[in-house]
N, C-alpha and C. Protein backbone atom coordinates (compact mmCIF):
# COMPACT_ATOMS: atom_id res chain seq x y z
N UNK A 1 0.84 -1.18 0.00
CA UNK A 1 0.00 0.00 0.00
C UNK A 1 0.89 1.24 0.00
N UNK A 2 0.63 2.12 -0.92
CA UNK A 2 1.42 3.34 -1.05
C UNK A 2 0.96 4.36 0.00
N UNK A 3 1.94 4.99 0.64
CA UNK A 3 1.65 6.01 1.64
C UNK A 3 1.72 7.40 1.00
N UNK A 4 1.30 8.40 1.74
CA UNK A 4 1.41 9.79 1.27
C UNK A 4 2.88 10.17 1.06
N UNK A 5 3.75 9.65 1.91
CA UNK A 5 5.19 9.93 1.77
C UNK A 5 5.71 9.29 0.48
N UNK A 6 5.28 8.04 0.22
CA UNK A 6 5.68 7.38 -1.03
C UNK A 6 5.24 8.21 -2.23
N UNK A 7 4.00 8.69 -2.22
CA UNK A 7 3.48 9.50 -3.32
C UNK A 7 4.32 10.76 -3.50
N UNK A 8 4.70 11.36 -2.39
CA UNK A 8 5.54 12.57 -2.45
C UNK A 8 6.90 12.23 -3.05
N UNK A 9 7.47 11.10 -2.67
CA UNK A 9 8.77 10.69 -3.21
C UNK A 9 8.68 10.40 -4.71
N UNK A 10 7.61 9.74 -5.13
CA UNK A 10 7.41 9.47 -6.55
C UNK A 10 7.32 10.78 -7.32
N UNK A 11 6.55 11.71 -6.80
CA UNK A 11 6.42 13.02 -7.47
C UNK A 11 7.77 13.73 -7.54
N UNK A 12 8.53 13.67 -6.46
CA UNK A 12 9.84 14.31 -6.46
C UNK A 12 10.75 13.68 -7.52
N UNK A 13 10.77 12.36 -7.57
CA UNK A 13 11.63 11.66 -8.53
C UNK A 13 11.29 12.02 -9.96
N UNK A 14 10.01 12.01 -10.29
CA UNK A 14 9.61 12.22 -11.68
C UNK A 14 9.43 13.68 -12.07
N UNK A 15 9.07 14.52 -11.13
CA UNK A 15 8.81 15.93 -11.46
C UNK A 15 9.98 16.85 -11.15
N UNK A 16 10.89 16.40 -10.28
CA UNK A 16 12.07 17.20 -9.93
C UNK A 16 13.32 16.38 -10.25
N UNK A 17 13.35 15.87 -11.43
CA UNK A 17 14.38 14.95 -11.90
C UNK A 17 15.78 15.55 -11.78
N UNK A 18 16.71 14.77 -11.19
CA UNK A 18 18.11 15.16 -11.07
C UNK A 18 18.95 14.23 -11.94
N UNK A 19 20.09 14.69 -12.44
CA UNK A 19 20.93 13.80 -13.25
C UNK A 19 21.46 12.61 -12.47
N UNK A 20 21.78 12.82 -11.18
CA UNK A 20 22.28 11.72 -10.36
C UNK A 20 21.94 11.96 -8.90
N UNK A 21 22.07 10.87 -8.12
CA UNK A 21 21.69 10.87 -6.71
C UNK A 21 22.75 10.14 -5.90
N UNK A 22 23.05 10.67 -4.72
CA UNK A 22 23.90 9.96 -3.77
C UNK A 22 23.10 8.79 -3.20
N UNK A 23 23.79 7.85 -2.59
CA UNK A 23 23.14 6.67 -2.01
C UNK A 23 22.04 7.08 -1.03
N UNK A 24 22.33 8.02 -0.15
CA UNK A 24 21.34 8.44 0.85
C UNK A 24 20.12 9.08 0.20
N UNK A 25 20.33 9.88 -0.85
CA UNK A 25 19.20 10.51 -1.55
C UNK A 25 18.33 9.47 -2.24
N UNK A 26 18.99 8.55 -2.94
CA UNK A 26 18.24 7.50 -3.65
C UNK A 26 17.46 6.64 -2.65
N UNK A 27 18.08 6.29 -1.54
CA UNK A 27 17.40 5.46 -0.54
C UNK A 27 16.19 6.20 0.03
N UNK A 28 16.33 7.49 0.31
CA UNK A 28 15.20 8.26 0.85
C UNK A 28 14.06 8.30 -0.15
N UNK A 29 14.37 8.60 -1.41
CA UNK A 29 13.33 8.69 -2.44
C UNK A 29 12.62 7.35 -2.62
N UNK A 30 13.37 6.27 -2.52
CA UNK A 30 12.80 4.94 -2.71
C UNK A 30 12.20 4.37 -1.42
N UNK A 31 12.23 5.15 -0.36
CA UNK A 31 11.69 4.73 0.95
C UNK A 31 12.28 3.40 1.39
N UNK A 32 13.60 3.30 1.29
CA UNK A 32 14.29 2.10 1.76
C UNK A 32 15.54 2.50 2.52
N UNK A 33 16.07 1.59 3.28
CA UNK A 33 17.29 1.88 4.02
C UNK A 33 18.48 1.91 3.07
N UNK A 34 19.53 2.58 3.51
CA UNK A 34 20.76 2.60 2.72
C UNK A 34 21.28 1.18 2.51
N UNK A 35 21.20 0.38 3.57
CA UNK A 35 21.68 -1.01 3.49
C UNK A 35 20.92 -1.82 2.45
N UNK A 36 19.62 -1.66 2.43
CA UNK A 36 18.81 -2.40 1.45
C UNK A 36 19.14 -1.95 0.03
N UNK A 37 19.32 -0.62 -0.16
CA UNK A 37 19.66 -0.12 -1.49
C UNK A 37 21.04 -0.62 -1.92
N UNK A 38 21.99 -0.66 -1.00
CA UNK A 38 23.31 -1.21 -1.32
C UNK A 38 23.19 -2.67 -1.75
N UNK A 39 22.39 -3.44 -1.02
CA UNK A 39 22.19 -4.85 -1.38
C UNK A 39 21.56 -4.98 -2.76
N UNK A 40 20.57 -4.13 -3.06
CA UNK A 40 19.93 -4.14 -4.39
C UNK A 40 20.96 -3.87 -5.48
N UNK A 41 21.80 -2.85 -5.26
CA UNK A 41 22.81 -2.48 -6.25
C UNK A 41 23.85 -3.58 -6.42
N UNK A 42 24.26 -4.17 -5.32
CA UNK A 42 25.25 -5.26 -5.39
C UNK A 42 24.67 -6.48 -6.10
N UNK A 43 23.41 -6.76 -5.86
CA UNK A 43 22.77 -7.91 -6.49
C UNK A 43 22.60 -7.70 -7.99
N UNK A 44 22.52 -6.46 -8.41
CA UNK A 44 22.33 -6.13 -9.82
C UNK A 44 23.71 -6.10 -10.49
N UNK A 45 24.33 -4.95 -10.54
CA UNK A 45 25.69 -4.79 -11.08
C UNK A 45 26.31 -3.65 -10.32
N UNK A 46 27.00 -3.97 -9.26
CA UNK A 46 27.53 -2.96 -8.36
C UNK A 46 28.33 -1.89 -9.08
N UNK A 47 29.16 -2.28 -10.05
CA UNK A 47 30.05 -1.31 -10.70
C UNK A 47 29.30 -0.22 -11.46
N UNK A 48 28.09 -0.47 -11.94
CA UNK A 48 27.36 0.58 -12.66
C UNK A 48 26.76 1.61 -11.70
N UNK A 49 26.78 1.32 -10.41
CA UNK A 49 26.26 2.25 -9.41
C UNK A 49 27.38 2.99 -8.68
N UNK A 50 28.59 2.84 -9.13
CA UNK A 50 29.73 3.48 -8.47
C UNK A 50 30.48 4.39 -9.43
N UNK A 51 30.89 5.57 -8.91
CA UNK A 51 31.72 6.51 -9.65
C UNK A 51 32.86 6.89 -8.74
N UNK A 52 34.09 6.63 -9.17
CA UNK A 52 35.27 6.90 -8.35
C UNK A 52 35.14 6.28 -6.95
N UNK A 53 34.63 5.05 -6.90
CA UNK A 53 34.51 4.34 -5.64
C UNK A 53 33.33 4.74 -4.77
N UNK A 54 32.55 5.70 -5.21
CA UNK A 54 31.39 6.16 -4.43
C UNK A 54 30.11 5.75 -5.10
N UNK A 55 29.11 5.49 -4.25
CA UNK A 55 27.79 5.17 -4.77
C UNK A 55 27.24 6.40 -5.48
N UNK A 56 26.79 6.22 -6.71
CA UNK A 56 26.18 7.30 -7.48
C UNK A 56 25.15 6.68 -8.40
N UNK A 57 23.91 7.10 -8.29
CA UNK A 57 22.82 6.53 -9.06
C UNK A 57 22.32 7.55 -10.06
N UNK A 58 22.20 7.15 -11.32
CA UNK A 58 21.61 8.04 -12.32
C UNK A 58 20.11 8.10 -12.10
N UNK A 59 19.47 9.09 -12.71
CA UNK A 59 18.02 9.16 -12.60
C UNK A 59 17.39 7.88 -13.14
N UNK A 60 17.88 7.39 -14.28
CA UNK A 60 17.31 6.18 -14.87
C UNK A 60 17.42 4.99 -13.92
N UNK A 61 18.53 4.88 -13.20
CA UNK A 61 18.69 3.78 -12.25
C UNK A 61 17.71 3.90 -11.09
N UNK A 62 17.56 5.10 -10.55
CA UNK A 62 16.62 5.29 -9.44
C UNK A 62 15.19 5.06 -9.92
N UNK A 63 14.87 5.57 -11.11
CA UNK A 63 13.52 5.38 -11.66
C UNK A 63 13.27 3.89 -11.92
N UNK A 64 14.26 3.17 -12.41
CA UNK A 64 14.11 1.73 -12.61
C UNK A 64 13.83 1.01 -11.30
N UNK A 65 14.54 1.41 -10.25
CA UNK A 65 14.29 0.83 -8.92
C UNK A 65 12.90 1.23 -8.42
N UNK A 66 12.47 2.44 -8.75
CA UNK A 66 11.12 2.89 -8.35
C UNK A 66 10.05 2.01 -8.99
N UNK A 67 10.27 1.61 -10.24
CA UNK A 67 9.31 0.75 -10.92
C UNK A 67 9.31 -0.66 -10.33
N UNK A 68 10.38 -1.04 -9.64
CA UNK A 68 10.39 -2.32 -8.93
C UNK A 68 9.74 -2.16 -7.56
N UNK A 69 9.84 -0.98 -7.00
CA UNK A 69 9.33 -0.70 -5.64
C UNK A 69 7.82 -0.48 -5.64
N UNK A 70 7.33 0.28 -6.63
CA UNK A 70 5.91 0.62 -6.71
C UNK A 70 5.34 0.12 -8.02
N UNK A 71 4.06 -0.15 -8.03
CA UNK A 71 3.41 -0.59 -9.26
C UNK A 71 3.21 0.60 -10.19
N UNK A 72 2.97 0.31 -11.45
CA UNK A 72 2.68 1.37 -12.41
C UNK A 72 1.42 2.12 -12.00
N UNK A 73 0.45 1.43 -11.45
CA UNK A 73 -0.78 2.06 -10.98
C UNK A 73 -0.45 3.06 -9.86
N UNK A 74 0.40 2.65 -8.91
CA UNK A 74 0.78 3.55 -7.82
C UNK A 74 1.53 4.77 -8.34
N UNK A 75 2.41 4.55 -9.30
CA UNK A 75 3.16 5.68 -9.88
C UNK A 75 2.20 6.62 -10.60
N UNK A 76 1.28 6.07 -11.38
CA UNK A 76 0.27 6.90 -12.04
C UNK A 76 -0.57 7.67 -11.02
N UNK A 77 -1.02 6.99 -9.99
CA UNK A 77 -1.84 7.64 -8.96
C UNK A 77 -1.08 8.78 -8.30
N UNK A 78 0.20 8.55 -7.98
CA UNK A 78 0.99 9.59 -7.33
C UNK A 78 1.21 10.79 -8.25
N UNK A 79 1.42 10.53 -9.53
CA UNK A 79 1.67 11.62 -10.48
C UNK A 79 0.39 12.34 -10.89
N UNK A 80 -0.74 11.67 -10.75
CA UNK A 80 -2.01 12.30 -11.12
C UNK A 80 -2.00 12.73 -12.58
N UNK A 81 -2.52 13.91 -12.85
CA UNK A 81 -2.60 14.39 -14.23
C UNK A 81 -1.22 14.64 -14.85
N UNK A 82 -0.17 14.73 -14.02
CA UNK A 82 1.19 14.89 -14.54
C UNK A 82 1.70 13.63 -15.22
N UNK A 83 1.10 12.48 -14.93
CA UNK A 83 1.55 11.22 -15.52
C UNK A 83 1.55 11.29 -17.04
N UNK A 84 0.53 11.91 -17.61
CA UNK A 84 0.42 12.00 -19.08
C UNK A 84 1.56 12.83 -19.67
N UNK A 85 2.08 13.77 -18.90
CA UNK A 85 3.18 14.62 -19.38
C UNK A 85 4.54 13.97 -19.17
N UNK A 86 4.68 13.17 -18.12
CA UNK A 86 5.96 12.64 -17.70
C UNK A 86 6.28 11.27 -18.31
N UNK A 87 5.31 10.39 -18.34
CA UNK A 87 5.52 9.02 -18.79
C UNK A 87 5.26 8.89 -20.29
N UNK A 88 5.92 7.93 -20.95
CA UNK A 88 5.64 7.70 -22.37
C UNK A 88 4.14 7.43 -22.58
N UNK A 89 3.59 7.90 -23.69
CA UNK A 89 2.15 7.73 -23.93
C UNK A 89 1.67 6.29 -23.84
N UNK A 90 2.48 5.34 -24.27
CA UNK A 90 2.04 3.95 -24.23
C UNK A 90 2.16 3.31 -22.86
N UNK A 91 2.55 4.09 -21.84
CA UNK A 91 2.48 3.62 -20.45
C UNK A 91 1.19 4.09 -19.78
N UNK A 92 0.33 4.75 -20.55
CA UNK A 92 -0.97 5.14 -20.01
C UNK A 92 -1.75 3.88 -19.66
N UNK A 93 -2.50 3.95 -18.59
CA UNK A 93 -3.27 2.78 -18.15
C UNK A 93 -4.66 2.78 -18.78
N UNK A 94 -5.10 1.60 -19.19
CA UNK A 94 -6.45 1.42 -19.74
C UNK A 94 -7.08 0.21 -19.08
N UNK A 95 -8.36 0.31 -18.83
CA UNK A 95 -9.09 -0.83 -18.29
C UNK A 95 -9.66 -1.65 -19.45
N UNK A 96 -9.63 -2.96 -19.27
CA UNK A 96 -10.22 -3.86 -20.26
C UNK A 96 -11.07 -4.88 -19.52
N UNK A 97 -11.95 -5.53 -20.25
CA UNK A 97 -12.74 -6.63 -19.69
C UNK A 97 -12.34 -7.89 -20.43
N UNK A 98 -12.06 -8.93 -19.68
CA UNK A 98 -11.63 -10.20 -20.26
C UNK A 98 -12.50 -11.30 -19.67
N UNK A 99 -12.91 -12.22 -20.51
CA UNK A 99 -13.67 -13.38 -20.03
C UNK A 99 -12.74 -14.57 -20.03
N UNK A 100 -12.58 -15.18 -18.86
CA UNK A 100 -11.67 -16.31 -18.70
C UNK A 100 -12.40 -17.48 -18.06
N UNK A 101 -11.92 -18.70 -18.31
CA UNK A 101 -12.50 -19.84 -17.61
C UNK A 101 -12.18 -19.76 -16.12
N UNK A 102 -13.06 -20.31 -15.32
CA UNK A 102 -12.95 -20.24 -13.87
C UNK A 102 -11.61 -20.76 -13.36
N UNK A 103 -11.09 -21.85 -13.95
CA UNK A 103 -9.84 -22.40 -13.45
C UNK A 103 -8.68 -21.41 -13.60
N UNK A 104 -8.66 -20.65 -14.72
CA UNK A 104 -7.61 -19.65 -14.89
C UNK A 104 -7.77 -18.51 -13.88
N UNK A 105 -8.99 -18.07 -13.70
CA UNK A 105 -9.23 -17.01 -12.74
C UNK A 105 -8.79 -17.42 -11.34
N UNK A 106 -9.11 -18.64 -10.95
CA UNK A 106 -8.70 -19.11 -9.62
C UNK A 106 -7.18 -19.17 -9.49
N UNK A 107 -6.51 -19.62 -10.54
CA UNK A 107 -5.05 -19.69 -10.50
C UNK A 107 -4.44 -18.29 -10.41
N UNK A 108 -4.98 -17.37 -11.19
CA UNK A 108 -4.49 -15.99 -11.16
C UNK A 108 -4.71 -15.37 -9.79
N UNK A 109 -5.90 -15.55 -9.24
CA UNK A 109 -6.20 -15.02 -7.91
C UNK A 109 -5.26 -15.61 -6.86
N UNK A 110 -5.03 -16.91 -6.95
CA UNK A 110 -4.14 -17.56 -5.99
C UNK A 110 -2.72 -16.99 -6.09
N UNK A 111 -2.20 -16.89 -7.30
CA UNK A 111 -0.84 -16.38 -7.48
C UNK A 111 -0.72 -14.93 -7.01
N UNK A 112 -1.67 -14.10 -7.36
CA UNK A 112 -1.63 -12.70 -6.93
C UNK A 112 -1.68 -12.61 -5.41
N UNK A 113 -2.56 -13.37 -4.81
CA UNK A 113 -2.69 -13.36 -3.35
C UNK A 113 -1.41 -13.85 -2.69
N UNK A 114 -0.83 -14.92 -3.22
CA UNK A 114 0.39 -15.47 -2.62
C UNK A 114 1.57 -14.50 -2.72
N UNK A 115 1.54 -13.62 -3.70
CA UNK A 115 2.59 -12.61 -3.86
C UNK A 115 2.20 -11.27 -3.24
N UNK A 116 1.05 -11.25 -2.57
CA UNK A 116 0.56 -10.04 -1.91
C UNK A 116 0.47 -8.86 -2.88
N UNK A 117 -0.13 -9.13 -4.04
CA UNK A 117 -0.31 -8.09 -5.04
C UNK A 117 -1.72 -8.17 -5.60
N UNK A 118 -2.03 -7.26 -6.49
CA UNK A 118 -3.35 -7.25 -7.12
C UNK A 118 -3.33 -8.12 -8.37
N UNK A 119 -4.51 -8.51 -8.81
CA UNK A 119 -4.61 -9.26 -10.06
C UNK A 119 -4.09 -8.40 -11.21
N UNK A 120 -4.44 -7.12 -11.21
CA UNK A 120 -3.94 -6.22 -12.26
C UNK A 120 -2.42 -6.25 -12.33
N UNK A 121 -1.77 -6.08 -11.18
CA UNK A 121 -0.31 -6.03 -11.15
C UNK A 121 0.30 -7.37 -11.54
N UNK A 122 -0.29 -8.46 -11.06
CA UNK A 122 0.22 -9.78 -11.40
C UNK A 122 0.15 -10.01 -12.91
N UNK A 123 -1.01 -9.70 -13.49
CA UNK A 123 -1.17 -9.88 -14.95
C UNK A 123 -0.21 -9.00 -15.73
N UNK A 124 -0.07 -7.75 -15.29
CA UNK A 124 0.85 -6.85 -15.99
C UNK A 124 2.25 -7.43 -16.00
N UNK A 125 2.72 -7.92 -14.83
CA UNK A 125 4.06 -8.49 -14.77
C UNK A 125 4.18 -9.76 -15.61
N UNK A 126 3.16 -10.56 -15.64
CA UNK A 126 3.19 -11.77 -16.46
C UNK A 126 3.25 -11.43 -17.94
N UNK A 127 2.62 -10.36 -18.35
CA UNK A 127 2.57 -9.98 -19.76
C UNK A 127 3.80 -9.20 -20.22
N UNK A 128 4.59 -8.70 -19.29
CA UNK A 128 5.77 -7.91 -19.66
C UNK A 128 6.77 -8.72 -20.47
N UNK A 129 6.98 -9.97 -20.10
CA UNK A 129 7.92 -10.79 -20.86
C UNK A 129 7.45 -10.96 -22.31
N UNK A 130 6.18 -11.22 -22.48
CA UNK A 130 5.60 -11.30 -23.82
C UNK A 130 5.84 -9.99 -24.59
N UNK A 131 5.59 -8.87 -23.92
CA UNK A 131 5.76 -7.56 -24.57
C UNK A 131 7.20 -7.36 -25.04
N UNK A 132 8.16 -7.82 -24.24
CA UNK A 132 9.56 -7.70 -24.62
C UNK A 132 9.93 -8.55 -25.83
N UNK A 133 9.22 -9.65 -26.03
CA UNK A 133 9.52 -10.52 -27.18
C UNK A 133 9.02 -9.95 -28.50
N UNK A 134 8.08 -9.02 -28.45
CA UNK A 134 7.49 -8.51 -29.70
C UNK A 134 7.83 -7.04 -29.98
N UNK A 135 8.90 -6.54 -29.34
CA UNK A 135 9.26 -5.12 -29.46
C UNK A 135 9.44 -4.70 -30.91
N UNK A 136 10.22 -5.44 -31.66
CA UNK A 136 10.53 -5.03 -33.05
C UNK A 136 9.26 -4.93 -33.90
N UNK A 137 8.45 -5.95 -33.84
CA UNK A 137 7.22 -5.98 -34.62
C UNK A 137 6.26 -4.88 -34.17
N UNK A 138 6.10 -4.72 -32.88
CA UNK A 138 5.14 -3.73 -32.36
C UNK A 138 5.59 -2.29 -32.59
N UNK A 139 6.89 -2.04 -32.56
CA UNK A 139 7.37 -0.67 -32.81
C UNK A 139 6.96 -0.21 -34.20
N UNK A 140 6.98 -1.13 -35.15
CA UNK A 140 6.54 -0.78 -36.52
C UNK A 140 5.04 -0.48 -36.55
N UNK A 141 4.28 -1.20 -35.76
CA UNK A 141 2.83 -1.04 -35.74
C UNK A 141 2.36 0.08 -34.82
N UNK A 142 3.09 0.29 -33.74
CA UNK A 142 2.70 1.29 -32.73
C UNK A 142 3.94 2.08 -32.31
N UNK A 143 4.27 3.13 -33.08
CA UNK A 143 5.46 3.93 -32.74
C UNK A 143 5.40 4.39 -31.27
N UNK A 144 6.52 4.26 -30.59
CA UNK A 144 6.58 4.58 -29.17
C UNK A 144 6.54 3.34 -28.30
N UNK A 145 6.23 2.20 -28.90
CA UNK A 145 6.16 0.94 -28.16
C UNK A 145 7.50 0.65 -27.48
N UNK A 146 8.60 0.80 -28.24
CA UNK A 146 9.92 0.50 -27.71
C UNK A 146 10.25 1.38 -26.51
N UNK A 147 9.97 2.69 -26.61
CA UNK A 147 10.31 3.57 -25.48
C UNK A 147 9.46 3.25 -24.25
N UNK A 148 8.21 2.84 -24.44
CA UNK A 148 7.38 2.44 -23.30
C UNK A 148 7.91 1.14 -22.69
N UNK A 149 8.29 0.20 -23.53
CA UNK A 149 8.78 -1.09 -23.06
C UNK A 149 10.14 -0.95 -22.36
N UNK A 150 10.97 -0.01 -22.81
CA UNK A 150 12.31 0.17 -22.24
C UNK A 150 12.37 1.24 -21.15
N UNK A 151 11.26 1.90 -20.88
CA UNK A 151 11.25 2.98 -19.91
C UNK A 151 11.56 2.46 -18.52
N UNK A 152 12.35 3.12 -17.74
CA UNK A 152 12.86 4.48 -17.86
C UNK A 152 14.19 4.63 -18.57
N UNK A 153 14.75 3.56 -19.07
CA UNK A 153 15.94 3.79 -19.88
C UNK A 153 16.85 2.61 -20.02
N UNK A 154 16.86 2.09 -21.21
CA UNK A 154 17.91 1.17 -21.57
C UNK A 154 17.63 -0.31 -21.52
N UNK A 155 16.89 -0.77 -20.56
CA UNK A 155 16.66 -2.20 -20.52
C UNK A 155 15.17 -2.48 -20.62
N UNK A 156 14.88 -3.64 -21.12
CA UNK A 156 13.48 -3.98 -21.28
C UNK A 156 12.82 -4.19 -19.94
N UNK A 157 11.54 -3.99 -19.91
CA UNK A 157 10.78 -4.20 -18.68
C UNK A 157 10.92 -5.64 -18.20
N UNK A 158 11.02 -6.61 -19.13
CA UNK A 158 11.13 -7.99 -18.67
C UNK A 158 12.50 -8.26 -18.04
N UNK A 159 13.57 -7.50 -18.39
CA UNK A 159 14.85 -7.64 -17.70
C UNK A 159 14.73 -7.10 -16.28
N UNK A 160 14.09 -5.94 -16.12
CA UNK A 160 13.87 -5.37 -14.80
C UNK A 160 13.03 -6.34 -13.97
N UNK A 161 11.98 -6.88 -14.57
CA UNK A 161 11.11 -7.82 -13.86
C UNK A 161 11.87 -9.07 -13.43
N UNK A 162 12.72 -9.58 -14.31
CA UNK A 162 13.48 -10.78 -13.95
C UNK A 162 14.35 -10.53 -12.73
N UNK A 163 15.01 -9.38 -12.69
CA UNK A 163 15.82 -9.05 -11.51
C UNK A 163 14.93 -8.87 -10.29
N UNK A 164 13.79 -8.23 -10.48
CA UNK A 164 12.88 -8.01 -9.35
C UNK A 164 12.41 -9.35 -8.78
N UNK A 165 12.08 -10.28 -9.64
CA UNK A 165 11.63 -11.59 -9.17
C UNK A 165 12.77 -12.33 -8.48
N UNK A 166 13.98 -12.23 -9.05
CA UNK A 166 15.09 -12.97 -8.45
C UNK A 166 15.47 -12.39 -7.09
N UNK A 167 15.24 -11.09 -6.88
CA UNK A 167 15.54 -10.52 -5.56
C UNK A 167 14.29 -10.46 -4.69
N UNK A 168 13.21 -11.07 -5.17
CA UNK A 168 11.94 -11.19 -4.46
C UNK A 168 11.35 -9.84 -4.06
N UNK A 169 11.44 -8.87 -4.99
CA UNK A 169 10.82 -7.58 -4.74
C UNK A 169 9.52 -7.45 -5.49
N UNK A 170 9.07 -8.52 -6.12
CA UNK A 170 7.81 -8.49 -6.86
C UNK A 170 6.70 -8.09 -5.92
N UNK A 171 5.95 -7.06 -6.31
CA UNK A 171 4.85 -6.61 -5.43
C UNK A 171 3.52 -6.83 -6.08
């Protein structure tokens, strides 16, 4: 559950974007301890988070960690009407209605509950890998697809998700 402080931190990160952040700044914005952020960075690729032996996080790195920390729905909610200005257009959220057999619905509900997340978030994460496999084809059909899939910078959402799952930060 996102708190008012989390929403404020999300707004600060996306609306008051800085080129880089010290370890303490990044940890505060991400609402995590310095130790936990160090562990996250070490588990990923420690050397990309260090400059001259000091922890230094680019905006893209902090934003990528933010997408692991909070759901896209939470980020949208925190940004409010600013989300449309800040995020790539194809990261806009849309509601759909899907008819599924009961056994699939029960499995989805069970998995979402066991991971302490919503069905929406669970489905989104499950579909991210698929989205990463069709980037080339979809970019031709829907310009901007690649930037939405690679947002906030450089790696596909399914790569971020894979690391999130391996470090058990899936929410």
